[in-house]
Amino acid sequence: MVDVSEIFRCTRCGFCCHGETTVSLDQEDRSRMTRALNMSESAIRKKYWRISGKSVQMKTVDGHCIFYDKGCTVHSGRPHRCAQWPLHPSILDDENNFITISESCPGIKKEIG
């Protein structure tokens, strides 16, 4: 088994936090975030989340995740997808995905691709 540090070392560049879409939050993500922010879920819903039907995502502001400000401001309560990124199975299982993501993520060690 390969050690994560052989593939990736986060530089906290924030590139993965930029864009007009963010990850969907499951119930566990929402609970973790609520605890980390020490706020009521209703206050967090209003201030930080974008809700469309049953889909809950973090809002975006000025082209990036609402929690990005020179780093993740909710790091201990971030969604599991954020914690997993960029080592998501779809990236590791597909060489083309790996190459595409490694071109935008300075933390991925490109020489192993």
PDB file of N, CA and C in Angstrom:
ATOM      1  N   MET A   1       0.833  -1.189   0.000  1.00  0.00           N
ATOM      2  CA  MET A   1       0.000   0.000   0.000  1.00  0.00           C
ATOM      3  C   MET A   1       0.879   1.255   0.000  1.00  0.00           C
ATOM      4  N   VAL A   2       0.498   2.233  -0.806  1.00  0.00           N
ATOM      5  CA  VAL A   2       1.246   3.478  -0.933  1.00  0.00           C
ATOM      6  C   VAL A   2       0.849   4.436   0.182  1.00  0.00           C
ATOM      7  N   ASP A   3       1.816   5.074   0.788  1.00  0.00           N
ATOM      8  CA  ASP A   3       1.563   6.085   1.806  1.00  0.00           C
ATOM      9  C   ASP A   3       1.095   7.363   1.115  1.00  0.00           C
ATOM     10  N   VAL A   4       0.084   8.010   1.665  1.00  0.00           N
ATOM     11  CA  VAL A   4      -0.474   9.237   1.074  1.00  0.00           C
ATOM     12  C   VAL A   4       0.613  10.269   0.810  1.00  0.00           C
ATOM     13  N   SER A   5       1.569  10.400   1.723  1.00  0.00           N
ATOM     14  CA  SER A   5       2.620  11.410   1.565  1.00  0.00           C
ATOM     15  C   SER A   5       3.494  11.148   0.336  1.00  0.00           C
ATOM     16  N   GLU A   6       3.467   9.920  -0.183  1.00  0.00           N
ATOM     17  CA  GLU A   6       4.213   9.619  -1.398  1.00  0.00           C
ATOM     18  C   GLU A   6       3.507  10.179  -2.634  1.00  0.00           C
ATOM     19  N   ILE A   7       2.217  10.458  -2.509  1.00  0.00           N
ATOM     20  CA  ILE A   7       1.409  10.933  -3.627  1.00  0.00           C
ATOM     21  C   ILE A   7       1.084  12.424  -3.502  1.00  0.00           C
ATOM     22  N   PHE A   8       0.811  12.852  -2.279  1.00  0.00           N
ATOM     23  CA  PHE A   8       0.225  14.174  -2.088  1.00  0.00           C
ATOM     24  C   PHE A   8       0.663  14.806  -0.771  1.00  0.00           C
ATOM     25  N   ARG A   9       0.928  16.101  -0.841  1.00  0.00           N
ATOM     26  CA  ARG A   9       1.193  16.902   0.353  1.00  0.00           C
ATOM     27  C   ARG A   9       0.501  18.244   0.135  1.00  0.00           C
ATOM     28  N   CYS A  10      -0.523  18.527   0.935  1.00  0.00           N
ATOM     29  CA  CYS A  10      -1.313  19.738   0.750  1.00  0.00           C
ATOM     30  C   CYS A  10      -0.455  20.984   0.940  1.00  0.00           C
ATOM     31  N   THR A  11      -0.546  21.905  -0.014  1.00  0.00           N
ATOM     32  CA  THR A  11       0.179  23.176   0.075  1.00  0.00           C
ATOM     33  C   THR A  11      -0.739  24.291   0.572  1.00  0.00           C
ATOM     34  N   ARG A  12      -2.006  23.950   0.811  1.00  0.00           N
ATOM     35  CA  ARG A  12      -3.027  24.909   1.246  1.00  0.00           C
ATOM     36  C   ARG A  12      -3.123  26.098   0.286  1.00  0.00           C
ATOM     37  N   CYS A  13      -2.995  25.802  -1.004  1.00  0.00           N
ATOM     38  CA  CYS A  13      -3.076  26.847  -2.024  1.00  0.00           C
ATOM     39  C   CYS A  13      -4.505  27.340  -2.222  1.00  0.00           C
ATOM     40  N   GLY A  14      -5.474  26.497  -1.900  1.00  0.00           N
ATOM     41  CA  GLY A  14      -6.870  26.880  -2.047  1.00  0.00           C
ATOM     42  C   GLY A  14      -7.448  26.678  -3.430  1.00  0.00           C
ATOM     43  N   PHE A  15      -6.668  26.129  -4.358  1.00  0.00           N
ATOM     44  CA  PHE A  15      -7.179  25.944  -5.705  1.00  0.00           C
ATOM     45  C   PHE A  15      -8.448  25.103  -5.706  1.00  0.00           C
ATOM     46  N   CYS A  16      -8.482  24.069  -4.863  1.00  0.00           N
ATOM     47  CA  CYS A  16      -9.653  23.182  -4.819  1.00  0.00           C
ATOM     48  C   CYS A  16     -10.871  23.864  -4.200  1.00  0.00           C
ATOM     49  N   CYS A  17     -10.680  25.006  -3.564  1.00  0.00           N
ATOM     50  CA  CYS A  17     -11.777  25.755  -2.933  1.00  0.00           C
ATOM     51  C   CYS A  17     -12.404  26.761  -3.893  1.00  0.00           C
ATOM     52  N   HIS A  18     -11.804  26.925  -5.069  1.00  0.00           N
ATOM     53  CA  HIS A  18     -12.286  27.915  -6.024  1.00  0.00           C
ATOM     54  C   HIS A  18     -13.202  27.293  -7.068  1.00  0.00           C
ATOM     55  N   GLY A  19     -14.146  28.088  -7.517  1.00  0.00           N
ATOM     56  CA  GLY A  19     -15.126  27.655  -8.501  1.00  0.00           C
ATOM     57  C   GLY A  19     -16.511  28.048  -8.017  1.00  0.00           C
ATOM     58  N   GLU A  20     -17.477  27.899  -8.872  1.00  0.00           N
ATOM     59  CA  GLU A  20     -18.849  28.290  -8.542  1.00  0.00           C
ATOM     60  C   GLU A  20     -19.665  27.158  -7.932  1.00  0.00           C
ATOM     61  N   THR A  21     -19.090  25.967  -7.865  1.00  0.00           N
ATOM     62  CA  THR A  21     -19.789  24.859  -7.231  1.00  0.00           C
ATOM     63  C   THR A  21     -18.951  24.338  -6.072  1.00  0.00           C
ATOM     64  N   THR A  22     -19.619  23.734  -5.120  1.00  0.00           N
ATOM     65  CA  THR A  22     -18.927  23.120  -4.000  1.00  0.00           C
ATOM     66  C   THR A  22     -19.491  21.725  -3.805  1.00  0.00           C
ATOM     67  N   VAL A  23     -18.957  21.013  -2.847  1.00  0.00           N
ATOM     68  CA  VAL A  23     -19.421  19.648  -2.611  1.00  0.00           C
ATOM     69  C   VAL A  23     -20.759  19.652  -1.886  1.00  0.00           C
ATOM     70  N   SER A  24     -21.510  18.570  -2.109  1.00  0.00           N
ATOM     71  CA  SER A  24     -22.763  18.384  -1.373  1.00  0.00           C
ATOM     72  C   SER A  24     -22.438  17.913   0.031  1.00  0.00           C
ATOM     73  N   LEU A  25     -23.272  18.314   0.976  1.00  0.00           N
ATOM     74  CA  LEU A  25     -23.062  17.974   2.381  1.00  0.00           C
ATOM     75  C   LEU A  25     -24.070  16.921   2.803  1.00  0.00           C
ATOM     76  N   ASP A  26     -23.590  15.786   3.301  1.00  0.00           N
ATOM     77  CA  ASP A  26     -24.511  14.801   3.853  1.00  0.00           C
ATOM     78  C   ASP A  26     -24.791  15.169   5.320  1.00  0.00           C
ATOM     79  N   GLN A  27     -25.626  14.387   5.981  1.00  0.00           N
ATOM     80  CA  GLN A  27     -26.004  14.718   7.359  1.00  0.00           C
ATOM     81  C   GLN A  27     -24.792  14.737   8.287  1.00  0.00           C
ATOM     82  N   GLU A  28     -23.869  13.806   8.103  1.00  0.00           N
ATOM     83  CA  GLU A  28     -22.669  13.776   8.938  1.00  0.00           C
ATOM     84  C   GLU A  28     -21.817  15.027   8.724  1.00  0.00           C
ATOM     85  N   ASP A  29     -21.683  15.467   7.466  1.00  0.00           N
ATOM     86  CA  ASP A  29     -20.948  16.704   7.167  1.00  0.00           C
ATOM     87  C   ASP A  29     -21.600  17.895   7.856  1.00  0.00           C
ATOM     88  N   ARG A  30     -22.918  17.966   7.771  1.00  0.00           N
ATOM     89  CA  ARG A  30     -23.638  19.099   8.369  1.00  0.00           C
ATOM     90  C   ARG A  30     -23.488  19.090   9.887  1.00  0.00           C
ATOM     91  N   SER A  31     -23.545  17.936  10.499  1.00  0.00           N
ATOM     92  CA  SER A  31     -23.384  17.844  11.957  1.00  0.00           C
ATOM     93  C   SER A  31     -21.974  18.242  12.373  1.00  0.00           C
ATOM     94  N   ARG A  32     -20.971  17.751  11.646  1.00  0.00           N
ATOM     95  CA  ARG A  32     -19.572  18.076  11.953  1.00  0.00           C
ATOM     96  C   ARG A  32     -19.335  19.587  11.821  1.00  0.00           C
ATOM     97  N   MET A  33     -19.896  20.168  10.767  1.00  0.00           N
ATOM     98  CA  MET A  33     -19.727  21.596  10.542  1.00  0.00           C
ATOM     99  C   MET A  33     -20.426  22.403  11.636  1.00  0.00           C
ATOM    100  N   THR A  34     -21.608  21.972  12.034  1.00  0.00           N
ATOM    101  CA  THR A  34     -22.356  22.661  13.092  1.00  0.00           C
ATOM    102  C   THR A  34     -21.551  22.665  14.391  1.00  0.00           C
ATOM    103  N   ARG A  35     -20.964  21.525  14.730  1.00  0.00           N
ATOM    104  CA  ARG A  35     -20.134  21.450  15.945  1.00  0.00           C
ATOM    105  C   ARG A  35     -18.904  22.347  15.829  1.00  0.00           C
ATOM    106  N   ALA A  36     -18.242  22.313  14.682  1.00  0.00           N
ATOM    107  CA  ALA A  36     -17.018  23.096  14.494  1.00  0.00           C
ATOM    108  C   ALA A  36     -17.278  24.595  14.555  1.00  0.00           C
ATOM    109  N   LEU A  37     -18.411  25.023  14.015  1.00  0.00           N
ATOM    110  CA  LEU A  37     -18.735  26.451  14.013  1.00  0.00           C
ATOM    111  C   LEU A  37     -19.386  26.906  15.306  1.00  0.00           C
ATOM    112  N   ASN A  38     -19.846  25.937  16.110  1.00  0.00           N
ATOM    113  CA  ASN A  38     -20.496  26.248  17.378  1.00  0.00           C
ATOM    114  C   ASN A  38     -21.648  27.239  17.181  1.00  0.00           C
ATOM    115  N   MET A  39     -22.460  26.933  16.172  1.00  0.00           N
ATOM    116  CA  MET A  39     -23.633  27.742  15.844  1.00  0.00           C
ATOM    117  C   MET A  39     -24.819  26.796  15.677  1.00  0.00           C
ATOM    118  N   SER A  40     -26.003  27.343  15.699  1.00  0.00           N
ATOM    119  CA  SER A  40     -27.184  26.516  15.444  1.00  0.00           C
ATOM    120  C   SER A  40     -27.217  26.159  13.961  1.00  0.00           C
ATOM    121  N   GLU A  41     -27.817  25.011  13.658  1.00  0.00           N
ATOM    122  CA  GLU A  41     -27.909  24.606  12.256  1.00  0.00           C
ATOM    123  C   GLU A  41     -28.731  25.612  11.465  1.00  0.00           C
ATOM    124  N   SER A  42     -29.757  26.182  12.061  1.00  0.00           N
ATOM    125  CA  SER A  42     -30.577  27.155  11.319  1.00  0.00           C
ATOM    126  C   SER A  42     -29.763  28.399  10.963  1.00  0.00           C
ATOM    127  N   ALA A  43     -28.882  28.843  11.857  1.00  0.00           N
ATOM    128  CA  ALA A  43     -28.032  30.012  11.562  1.00  0.00           C
ATOM    129  C   ALA A  43     -27.023  29.677  10.462  1.00  0.00           C
ATOM    130  N   ILE A  44     -26.480  28.469  10.512  1.00  0.00           N
ATOM    131  CA  ILE A  44     -25.521  28.040   9.496  1.00  0.00           C
ATOM    132  C   ILE A  44     -26.207  27.895   8.146  1.00  0.00           C
ATOM    133  N   ARG A  45     -27.414  27.329   8.148  1.00  0.00           N
ATOM    134  CA  ARG A  45     -28.182  27.197   6.899  1.00  0.00           C
ATOM    135  C   ARG A  45     -28.326  28.559   6.221  1.00  0.00           C
ATOM    136  N   LYS A  46     -28.696  29.533   6.993  1.00  0.00           N
ATOM    137  CA  LYS A  46     -28.950  30.862   6.450  1.00  0.00           C
ATOM    138  C   LYS A  46     -27.671  31.538   5.957  1.00  0.00           C
ATOM    139  N   LYS A  47     -26.608  31.428   6.723  1.00  0.00           N
ATOM    140  CA  LYS A  47     -25.375  32.160   6.417  1.00  0.00           C
ATOM    141  C   LYS A  47     -24.453  31.440   5.434  1.00  0.00           C
ATOM    142  N   TYR A  48     -24.350  30.110   5.533  1.00  0.00           N
ATOM    143  CA  TYR A  48     -23.298  29.397   4.818  1.00  0.00           C
ATOM    144  C   TYR A  48     -23.742  28.383   3.766  1.00  0.00           C
ATOM    145  N   TRP A  49     -24.984  27.903   3.860  1.00  0.00           N
ATOM    146  CA  TRP A  49     -25.385  26.810   2.981  1.00  0.00           C
ATOM    147  C   TRP A  49     -26.323  27.244   1.868  1.00  0.00           C
ATOM    148  N   ARG A  50     -26.194  26.592   0.738  1.00  0.00           N
ATOM    149  CA  ARG A  50     -27.086  26.771  -0.403  1.00  0.00           C
ATOM    150  C   ARG A  50     -27.934  25.500  -0.462  1.00  0.00           C
ATOM    151  N   ILE A  51     -29.240  25.652  -0.351  1.00  0.00           N
ATOM    152  CA  ILE A  51     -30.129  24.503  -0.299  1.00  0.00           C
ATOM    153  C   ILE A  51     -31.069  24.532  -1.492  1.00  0.00           C
ATOM    154  N   SER A  52     -31.092  23.419  -2.206  1.00  0.00           N
ATOM    155  CA  SER A  52     -31.946  23.280  -3.378  1.00  0.00           C
ATOM    156  C   SER A  52     -32.597  21.905  -3.296  1.00  0.00           C
ATOM    157  N   GLY A  53     -33.870  21.885  -2.939  1.00  0.00           N
ATOM    158  CA  GLY A  53     -34.554  20.611  -2.743  1.00  0.00           C
ATOM    159  C   GLY A  53     -33.914  19.869  -1.580  1.00  0.00           C
ATOM    160  N   LYS A  54     -33.418  18.668  -1.845  1.00  0.00           N
ATOM    161  CA  LYS A  54     -32.756  17.879  -0.804  1.00  0.00           C
ATOM    162  C   LYS A  54     -31.242  18.068  -0.816  1.00  0.00           C
ATOM    163  N   SER A  55     -30.736  18.834  -1.763  1.00  0.00           N
ATOM    164  CA  SER A  55     -29.302  19.061  -1.894  1.00  0.00           C
ATOM    165  C   SER A  55     -28.853  20.236  -1.016  1.00  0.00           C
ATOM    166  N   VAL A  56     -27.828  20.002  -0.216  1.00  0.00           N
ATOM    167  CA  VAL A  56     -27.255  21.039   0.633  1.00  0.00           C
ATOM    168  C   VAL A  56     -25.783  21.171   0.261  1.00  0.00           C
ATOM    169  N   GLN A  57     -25.375  22.369  -0.088  1.00  0.00           N
ATOM    170  CA  GLN A  57     -23.980  22.661  -0.424  1.00  0.00           C
ATOM    171  C   GLN A  57     -23.556  23.923   0.304  1.00  0.00           C
ATOM    172  N   MET A  58     -22.263  24.130   0.389  1.00  0.00           N
ATOM    173  CA  MET A  58     -21.758  25.385   0.931  1.00  0.00           C
ATOM    174  C   MET A  58     -21.957  26.459  -0.138  1.00  0.00           C
ATOM    175  N   LYS A  59     -22.250  27.659   0.289  1.00  0.00           N
ATOM    176  CA  LYS A  59     -22.384  28.764  -0.665  1.00  0.00           C
ATOM    177  C   LYS A  59     -21.018  29.101  -1.247  1.00  0.00           C
ATOM    178  N   THR A  60     -21.044  29.794  -2.370  1.00  0.00           N
ATOM    179  CA  THR A  60     -19.822  30.342  -2.942  1.00  0.00           C
ATOM    180  C   THR A  60     -19.909  31.858  -2.888  1.00  0.00           C
ATOM    181  N   VAL A  61     -18.761  32.490  -2.756  1.00  0.00           N
ATOM    182  CA  VAL A  61     -18.659  33.947  -2.691  1.00  0.00           C
ATOM    183  C   VAL A  61     -17.462  34.359  -3.540  1.00  0.00           C
ATOM    184  N   ASP A  62     -17.661  35.260  -4.445  1.00  0.00           N
ATOM    185  CA  ASP A  62     -16.569  35.756  -5.293  1.00  0.00           C
ATOM    186  C   ASP A  62     -15.776  34.631  -5.949  1.00  0.00           C
ATOM    187  N   GLY A  63     -16.477  33.575  -6.369  1.00  0.00           N
ATOM    188  CA  GLY A  63     -15.835  32.498  -7.098  1.00  0.00           C
ATOM    189  C   GLY A  63     -15.095  31.470  -6.261  1.00  0.00           C
ATOM    190  N   HIS A  64     -15.400  31.416  -4.977  1.00  0.00           N
ATOM    191  CA  HIS A  64     -14.769  30.388  -4.135  1.00  0.00           C
ATOM    192  C   HIS A  64     -15.711  29.995  -3.009  1.00  0.00           C
ATOM    193  N   CYS A  65     -15.401  28.895  -2.352  1.00  0.00           N
ATOM    194  CA  CYS A  65     -16.188  28.420  -1.220  1.00  0.00           C
ATOM    195  C   CYS A  65     -16.281  29.513  -0.159  1.00  0.00           C
ATOM    196  N   ILE A  66     -17.429  29.651   0.446  1.00  0.00           N
ATOM    197  CA  ILE A  66     -17.648  30.675   1.452  1.00  0.00           C
ATOM    198  C   ILE A  66     -16.684  30.545   2.636  1.00  0.00           C
ATOM    199  N   PHE A  67     -16.153  29.352   2.857  1.00  0.00           N
ATOM    200  CA  PHE A  67     -15.241  29.138   3.977  1.00  0.00           C
ATOM    201  C   PHE A  67     -13.779  29.376   3.622  1.00  0.00           C
ATOM    202  N   TYR A  68     -13.495  29.740   2.376  1.00  0.00           N
ATOM    203  CA  TYR A  68     -12.101  29.974   1.989  1.00  0.00           C
ATOM    204  C   TYR A  68     -11.710  31.424   2.226  1.00  0.00           C
ATOM    205  N   ASP A  69     -10.669  31.624   3.020  1.00  0.00           N
ATOM    206  CA  ASP A  69     -10.076  32.945   3.249  1.00  0.00           C
ATOM    207  C   ASP A  69      -8.606  32.715   3.571  1.00  0.00           C
ATOM    208  N   LYS A  70      -7.786  32.599   2.533  1.00  0.00           N
ATOM    209  CA  LYS A  70      -6.365  32.262   2.682  1.00  0.00           C
ATOM    210  C   LYS A  70      -6.210  30.938   3.426  1.00  0.00           C
ATOM    211  N   GLY A  71      -7.131  30.054   3.207  1.00  0.00           N
ATOM    212  CA  GLY A  71      -7.169  28.751   3.860  1.00  0.00           C
ATOM    213  C   GLY A  71      -8.598  28.462   4.274  1.00  0.00           C
ATOM    214  N   CYS A  72      -8.842  27.238   4.690  1.00  0.00           N
ATOM    215  CA  CYS A  72     -10.191  26.834   5.087  1.00  0.00           C
ATOM    216  C   CYS A  72     -10.488  27.313   6.503  1.00  0.00           C
ATOM    217  N   THR A  73     -11.535  28.102   6.637  1.00  0.00           N
ATOM    218  CA  THR A  73     -11.895  28.638   7.956  1.00  0.00           C
ATOM    219  C   THR A  73     -12.772  27.689   8.755  1.00  0.00           C
ATOM    220  N   VAL A  74     -13.116  26.542   8.177  1.00  0.00           N
ATOM    221  CA  VAL A  74     -13.895  25.538   8.900  1.00  0.00           C
ATOM    222  C   VAL A  74     -13.186  24.179   8.790  1.00  0.00           C
ATOM    223  N   HIS A  75     -11.871  24.223   8.756  1.00  0.00           N
ATOM    224  CA  HIS A  75     -11.051  23.038   8.477  1.00  0.00           C
ATOM    225  C   HIS A  75     -11.423  21.838   9.345  1.00  0.00           C
ATOM    226  N   SER A  76     -11.606  22.019  10.641  1.00  0.00           N
ATOM    227  CA  SER A  76     -11.940  20.878  11.509  1.00  0.00           C
ATOM    228  C   SER A  76     -13.349  20.352  11.256  1.00  0.00           C
ATOM    229  N   GLY A  77     -14.188  21.144  10.616  1.00  0.00           N
ATOM    230  CA  GLY A  77     -15.558  20.730  10.326  1.00  0.00           C
ATOM    231  C   GLY A  77     -15.841  20.602   8.850  1.00  0.00           C
ATOM    232  N   ARG A  78     -14.798  20.541   8.043  1.00  0.00           N
ATOM    233  CA  ARG A  78     -14.992  20.492   6.587  1.00  0.00           C
ATOM    234  C   ARG A  78     -15.645  19.172   6.167  1.00  0.00           C
ATOM    235  N   PRO A  79     -16.320  19.179   5.030  1.00  0.00           N
ATOM    236  CA  PRO A  79     -16.963  17.969   4.521  1.00  0.00           C
ATOM    237  C   PRO A  79     -15.947  16.860   4.241  1.00  0.00           C
ATOM    238  N   HIS A  80     -16.411  15.622   4.304  1.00  0.00           N
ATOM    239  CA  HIS A  80     -15.499  14.499   4.070  1.00  0.00           C
ATOM    240  C   HIS A  80     -14.913  14.542   2.662  1.00  0.00           C
ATOM    241  N   ARG A  81     -15.660  15.053   1.691  1.00  0.00           N
ATOM    242  CA  ARG A  81     -15.127  15.162   0.327  1.00  0.00           C
ATOM    243  C   ARG A  81     -13.951  16.140   0.272  1.00  0.00           C
ATOM    244  N   CYS A  82     -14.026  17.202   1.037  1.00  0.00           N
ATOM    245  CA  CYS A  82     -12.919  18.165   1.082  1.00  0.00           C
ATOM    246  C   CYS A  82     -11.696  17.531   1.741  1.00  0.00           C
ATOM    247  N   ALA A  83     -11.928  16.783   2.811  1.00  0.00           N
ATOM    248  CA  ALA A  83     -10.826  16.119   3.504  1.00  0.00           C
ATOM    249  C   ALA A  83     -10.188  15.064   2.605  1.00  0.00           C
ATOM    250  N   GLN A  84     -10.978  14.454   1.755  1.00  0.00           N
ATOM    251  CA  GLN A  84     -10.520  13.384   0.880  1.00  0.00           C
ATOM    252  C   GLN A  84      -9.781  13.929  -0.349  1.00  0.00           C
ATOM    253  N   TRP A  85     -10.112  15.126  -0.765  1.00  0.00           N
ATOM    254  CA  TRP A  85      -9.569  15.700  -1.997  1.00  0.00           C
ATOM    255  C   TRP A  85      -8.078  15.940  -1.883  1.00  0.00           C
ATOM    256  N   PRO A  86      -7.281  15.714  -2.904  1.00  0.00           N
ATOM    257  CA  PRO A  86      -7.624  15.263  -4.240  1.00  0.00           C
ATOM    258  C   PRO A  86      -7.486  13.749  -4.405  1.00  0.00           C
ATOM    259  N   LEU A  87      -7.401  13.030  -3.312  1.00  0.00           N
ATOM    260  CA  LEU A  87      -7.184  11.588  -3.396  1.00  0.00           C
ATOM    261  C   LEU A  87      -8.489  10.796  -3.427  1.00  0.00           C
ATOM    262  N   HIS A  88      -9.454  11.320  -4.137  1.00  0.00           N
ATOM    263  CA  HIS A  88     -10.730  10.647  -4.332  1.00  0.00           C
ATOM    264  C   HIS A  88     -10.482   9.420  -5.217  1.00  0.00           C
ATOM    265  N   PRO A  89     -11.170   8.311  -4.942  1.00  0.00           N
ATOM    266  CA  PRO A  89     -10.959   7.098  -5.755  1.00  0.00           C
ATOM    267  C   PRO A  89     -11.082   7.320  -7.261  1.00  0.00           C
ATOM    268  N   SER A  90     -11.963   8.205  -7.694  1.00  0.00           N
ATOM    269  CA  SER A  90     -12.122   8.433  -9.136  1.00  0.00           C
ATOM    270  C   SER A  90     -10.861   9.026  -9.752  1.00  0.00           C
ATOM    271  N   ILE A  91     -10.066   9.692  -8.961  1.00  0.00           N
ATOM    272  CA  ILE A  91      -8.820  10.271  -9.448  1.00  0.00           C
ATOM    273  C   ILE A  91      -7.717   9.215  -9.441  1.00  0.00           C
ATOM    274  N   LEU A  92      -7.691   8.441  -8.372  1.00  0.00           N
ATOM    275  CA  LEU A  92      -6.649   7.425  -8.250  1.00  0.00           C
ATOM    276  C   LEU A  92      -6.870   6.240  -9.191  1.00  0.00           C
ATOM    277  N   ASP A  93      -8.122   5.966  -9.539  1.00  0.00           N
ATOM    278  CA  ASP A  93      -8.442   4.816 -10.382  1.00  0.00           C
ATOM    279  C   ASP A  93      -8.348   5.110 -11.876  1.00  0.00           C
ATOM    280  N   ASP A  94      -8.231   6.366 -12.240  1.00  0.00           N
ATOM    281  CA  ASP A  94      -8.235   6.722 -13.655  1.00  0.00           C
ATOM    282  C   ASP A  94      -7.043   7.640 -13.944  1.00  0.00           C
ATOM    283  N   GLU A  95      -6.132   7.155 -14.763  1.00  0.00           N
ATOM    284  CA  GLU A  95      -4.911   7.914 -15.047  1.00  0.00           C
ATOM    285  C   GLU A  95      -5.212   9.287 -15.648  1.00  0.00           C
ATOM    286  N   ASN A  96      -6.215   9.377 -16.544  1.00  0.00           N
ATOM    287  CA  ASN A  96      -6.551  10.667 -17.149  1.00  0.00           C
ATOM    288  C   ASN A  96      -7.053  11.656 -16.103  1.00  0.00           C
ATOM    289  N   ASN A  97      -7.886  11.173 -15.164  1.00  0.00           N
ATOM    290  CA  ASN A  97      -8.334  12.049 -14.083  1.00  0.00           C
ATOM    291  C   ASN A  97      -7.149  12.515 -13.245  1.00  0.00           C
ATOM    292  N   PHE A  98      -6.242  11.597 -12.945  1.00  0.00           N
ATOM    293  CA  PHE A  98      -5.063  11.942 -12.151  1.00  0.00           C
ATOM    294  C   PHE A  98      -4.246  13.025 -12.843  1.00  0.00           C
ATOM    295  N   ILE A  99      -4.019  12.866 -14.130  1.00  0.00           N
ATOM    296  CA  ILE A  99      -3.238  13.846 -14.886  1.00  0.00           C
ATOM    297  C   ILE A  99      -3.931  15.203 -14.877  1.00  0.00           C
ATOM    298  N   THR A 100      -5.237  15.213 -15.112  1.00  0.00           N
ATOM    299  CA  THR A 100      -5.992  16.466 -15.129  1.00  0.00           C
ATOM    300  C   THR A 100      -5.910  17.185 -13.786  1.00  0.00           C
ATOM    301  N   ILE A 101      -6.159  16.467 -12.698  1.00  0.00           N
ATOM    302  CA  ILE A 101      -6.123  17.084 -11.376  1.00  0.00           C
ATOM    303  C   ILE A 101      -4.703  17.484 -10.997  1.00  0.00           C
ATOM    304  N   SER A 102      -3.724  16.675 -11.340  1.00  0.00           N
ATOM    305  CA  SER A 102      -2.341  17.004 -10.964  1.00  0.00           C
ATOM    306  C   SER A 102      -1.855  18.269 -11.655  1.00  0.00           C
ATOM    307  N   GLU A 103      -2.457  18.613 -12.796  1.00  0.00           N
ATOM    308  CA  GLU A 103      -2.084  19.849 -13.487  1.00  0.00           C
ATOM    309  C   GLU A 103      -2.562  21.087 -12.744  1.00  0.00           C
ATOM    310  N   SER A 104      -3.595  20.929 -11.901  1.00  0.00           N
ATOM    311  CA  SER A 104      -4.124  22.093 -11.188  1.00  0.00           C
ATOM    312  C   SER A 104      -3.810  22.070  -9.693  1.00  0.00           C
ATOM    313  N   CYS A 105      -3.311  20.958  -9.190  1.00  0.00           N
ATOM    314  CA  CYS A 105      -3.052  20.840  -7.762  1.00  0.00           C
ATOM    315  C   CYS A 105      -1.547  20.730  -7.516  1.00  0.00           C
ATOM    316  N   PRO A 106      -0.947  21.775  -6.947  1.00  0.00           N
ATOM    317  CA  PRO A 106       0.506  21.733  -6.736  1.00  0.00           C
ATOM    318  C   PRO A 106       0.942  20.729  -5.673  1.00  0.00           C
ATOM    319  N   GLY A 107       0.016  20.189  -4.914  1.00  0.00           N
ATOM    320  CA  GLY A 107       0.376  19.229  -3.873  1.00  0.00           C
ATOM    321  C   GLY A 107       0.563  17.815  -4.371  1.00  0.00           C
ATOM    322  N   ILE A 108       0.073  17.509  -5.575  1.00  0.00           N
ATOM    323  CA  ILE A 108       0.212  16.160  -6.121  1.00  0.00           C
ATOM    324  C   ILE A 108       1.599  16.028  -6.745  1.00  0.00           C
ATOM    325  N   LYS A 109       2.262  14.966  -6.389  1.00  0.00           N
ATOM    326  CA  LYS A 109       3.585  14.686  -6.924  1.00  0.00           C
ATOM    327  C   LYS A 109       3.424  14.111  -8.331  1.00  0.00           C
ATOM    328  N   LYS A 110       3.652  14.948  -9.310  1.00  0.00           N
ATOM    329  CA  LYS A 110       3.397  14.609 -10.699  1.00  0.00           C
ATOM    330  C   LYS A 110       4.260  13.476 -11.233  1.00  0.00           C
ATOM    331  N   GLU A 111       5.429  13.289 -10.667  1.00  0.00           N
ATOM    332  CA  GLU A 111       6.344  12.272 -11.191  1.00  0.00           C
ATOM    333  C   GLU A 111       5.839  10.843 -11.003  1.00  0.00           C
ATOM    334  N   ILE A 112       4.812  10.649 -10.194  1.00  0.00           N
ATOM    335  CA  ILE A 112       4.302   9.285 -10.007  1.00  0.00           C
ATOM    336  C   ILE A 112       3.152   8.961 -10.944  1.00  0.00           C
ATOM    337  N   GLY A 113       2.621   9.978 -11.658  1.00  0.00           N
ATOM    338  CA  GLY A 113       1.445   9.805 -12.502  1.00  0.00           C
ATOM    339  C   GLY A 113       1.548   8.826 -13.558  1.00  0.00           C
TER     340      GLY A 113
END
